[in-house]
Amino acid sequence: MYSAILAGVVDPKGLLGMTELVPSGATVFSGTAYEILGTDMQILSLAVKPGEKVLVEQGGMMMMEPGMKGSVSFANWFGRCCGGERCCMDEYVNDEPERPQMLGLTPNVPAK
């Protein structure tokens, strides 16, 4: 169960009614627990720490817990546009001070 990763936080109902988004065998990178779910249409499931920000391309967010707040970031827009990337990014911040929140990201096209 994901609660083993989230410093002992126990959520008996599971996140968003799901019982296992990030199981205890999840990978930890730079202190953030994550897991890639699926084979053809994959989902990156992140456990975002309190106060931590995640920047993603527009259209990449699939689901998030209520403690996550989304906004649009135009930081470095000129450099991104000149480099051929999208000019703005979606920014998700964990506003929940007590525990990590789940964020599910997926590519816009099928990927492995």
Protein backbone atom coordinates (compact mmCIF):
# COMPACT_ATOMS: atom_id res chain seq x y z
CA MET A 1 0.00 0.00 0.00
CA TYR A 2 1.23 3.53 -0.80
CA SER A 3 0.98 4.66 2.83
CA ALA A 4 4.19 2.75 3.61
CA ILE A 5 6.07 5.26 1.45
CA LEU A 6 4.32 8.34 2.78
CA ALA A 7 6.02 8.28 6.19
CA GLY A 8 3.42 6.12 7.85
CA VAL A 9 0.40 8.20 6.81
CA VAL A 10 -2.57 5.87 6.67
CA ASP A 11 -5.54 6.54 4.42
CA PRO A 12 -7.97 3.63 4.90
CA LYS A 13 -10.11 4.56 1.87
CA GLY A 14 -7.16 5.03 -0.47
CA LEU A 15 -6.49 8.02 -2.68
CA LEU A 16 -9.48 9.09 -4.74
CA GLY A 17 -11.12 5.76 -3.96
CA MET A 18 -8.16 3.80 -5.33
CA THR A 19 -6.38 1.47 -2.98
CA GLU A 20 -2.96 1.36 -4.61
CA LEU A 21 -1.50 4.20 -6.69
CA VAL A 22 2.08 4.02 -5.44
CA PRO A 23 2.66 0.62 -3.85
CA SER A 24 5.44 0.00 -1.35
CA GLY A 25 7.76 -1.14 -4.16
CA ALA A 26 7.78 2.31 -5.80
CA THR A 27 10.99 3.99 -6.88
CA VAL A 28 12.37 7.04 -5.10
CA PHE A 29 14.24 9.69 -7.13
CA SER A 30 15.56 12.86 -5.47
CA GLY A 31 13.38 12.08 -2.46
CA THR A 32 10.15 11.82 -4.48
CA ALA A 33 8.32 8.50 -4.66
CA TYR A 34 7.02 7.63 -8.11
CA GLU A 35 5.82 4.71 -10.19
CA ILE A 36 5.13 4.25 -13.90
CA LEU A 37 1.88 2.34 -14.38
CA GLY A 38 0.61 0.69 -17.56
CA THR A 39 2.14 -0.67 -20.74
CA ASP A 40 0.90 1.33 -23.75
CA MET A 41 -0.88 4.31 -22.16
CA GLN A 42 1.42 4.87 -19.22
CA ILE A 43 0.78 7.00 -16.13
CA LEU A 44 3.49 8.55 -13.99
CA SER A 45 2.16 8.53 -10.43
CA LEU A 46 4.04 10.98 -8.15
CA ALA A 47 3.86 11.45 -4.38
CA VAL A 48 4.50 15.23 -4.18
CA LYS A 49 5.85 16.45 -0.83
CA PRO A 50 4.28 19.43 0.99
CA GLY A 51 5.36 22.70 -0.66
CA GLU A 52 7.00 20.91 -3.60
CA LYS A 53 6.33 22.13 -7.19
CA VAL A 54 6.03 20.06 -10.35
CA LEU A 55 6.23 21.65 -13.84
CA VAL A 56 4.63 19.76 -16.75
CA GLU A 57 3.67 20.48 -20.34
CA GLN A 58 0.05 21.46 -20.85
CA GLY A 59 -2.33 18.54 -21.15
CA GLY A 60 -0.15 16.14 -19.15
CA MET A 61 -2.14 16.07 -15.89
CA MET A 62 -4.51 13.14 -15.60
CA MET A 63 -5.54 13.27 -11.94
CA MET A 64 -4.56 14.97 -8.70
CA GLU A 65 -5.59 14.97 -5.07
CA PRO A 66 -7.56 17.95 -3.69
CA GLY A 67 -4.47 19.25 -1.84
CA MET A 68 -2.70 19.97 -5.16
CA LYS A 69 -3.16 23.44 -6.67
CA GLY A 70 -2.65 24.02 -10.38
CA SER A 71 -1.61 27.19 -12.19
CA VAL A 72 0.05 28.29 -15.43
CA SER A 73 3.71 29.34 -15.39
CA PHE A 74 5.16 31.77 -17.92
CA ALA A 75 8.64 31.74 -16.35
CA ASN A 76 11.33 31.65 -19.07
CA TRP A 77 8.64 31.75 -21.76
CA PHE A 78 10.88 33.52 -24.26
CA GLY A 79 13.65 30.91 -24.01
CA ARG A 80 11.16 28.05 -24.31
CA CYS A 81 9.43 29.56 -27.36
CA CYS A 82 12.76 30.25 -29.11
CA GLY A 83 13.83 26.68 -28.34
CA GLY A 84 10.74 25.24 -30.02
CA GLU A 85 8.97 24.23 -26.81
CA ARG A 86 5.60 25.36 -25.51
CA CYS A 87 5.67 28.91 -24.14
CA CYS A 88 3.87 28.14 -20.89
CA MET A 89 3.92 25.22 -18.48
CA ASP A 90 1.42 23.89 -15.95
CA GLU A 91 2.67 24.18 -12.37
CA TYR A 92 1.28 21.99 -9.59
CA VAL A 93 2.05 22.74 -5.94
CA ASN A 94 1.23 20.61 -2.91
CA ASP A 95 -0.62 23.03 -0.60
CA GLU A 96 -1.39 20.31 1.94
CA PRO A 97 0.94 20.98 4.91
CA GLU A 98 0.44 17.58 6.53
CA ARG A 99 1.30 14.93 3.95
CA PRO A 100 2.34 14.23 0.35
CA GLN A 101 -0.33 14.43 -2.35
CA MET A 102 -0.68 12.25 -5.45
CA LEU A 103 -0.34 13.65 -8.98
CA GLY A 104 -0.93 11.49 -12.06
CA LEU A 105 0.73 12.53 -15.35
CA THR A 106 0.42 10.99 -18.77
CA PRO A 107 1.84 11.78 -22.23
CA ASN A 108 -0.44 13.20 -24.92
CA VAL A 109 0.29 10.21 -27.18
CA PRO A 110 0.76 6.48 -26.43
CA ALA A 111 4.30 5.92 -25.17
CA LYS A 112 6.53 3.32 -23.58
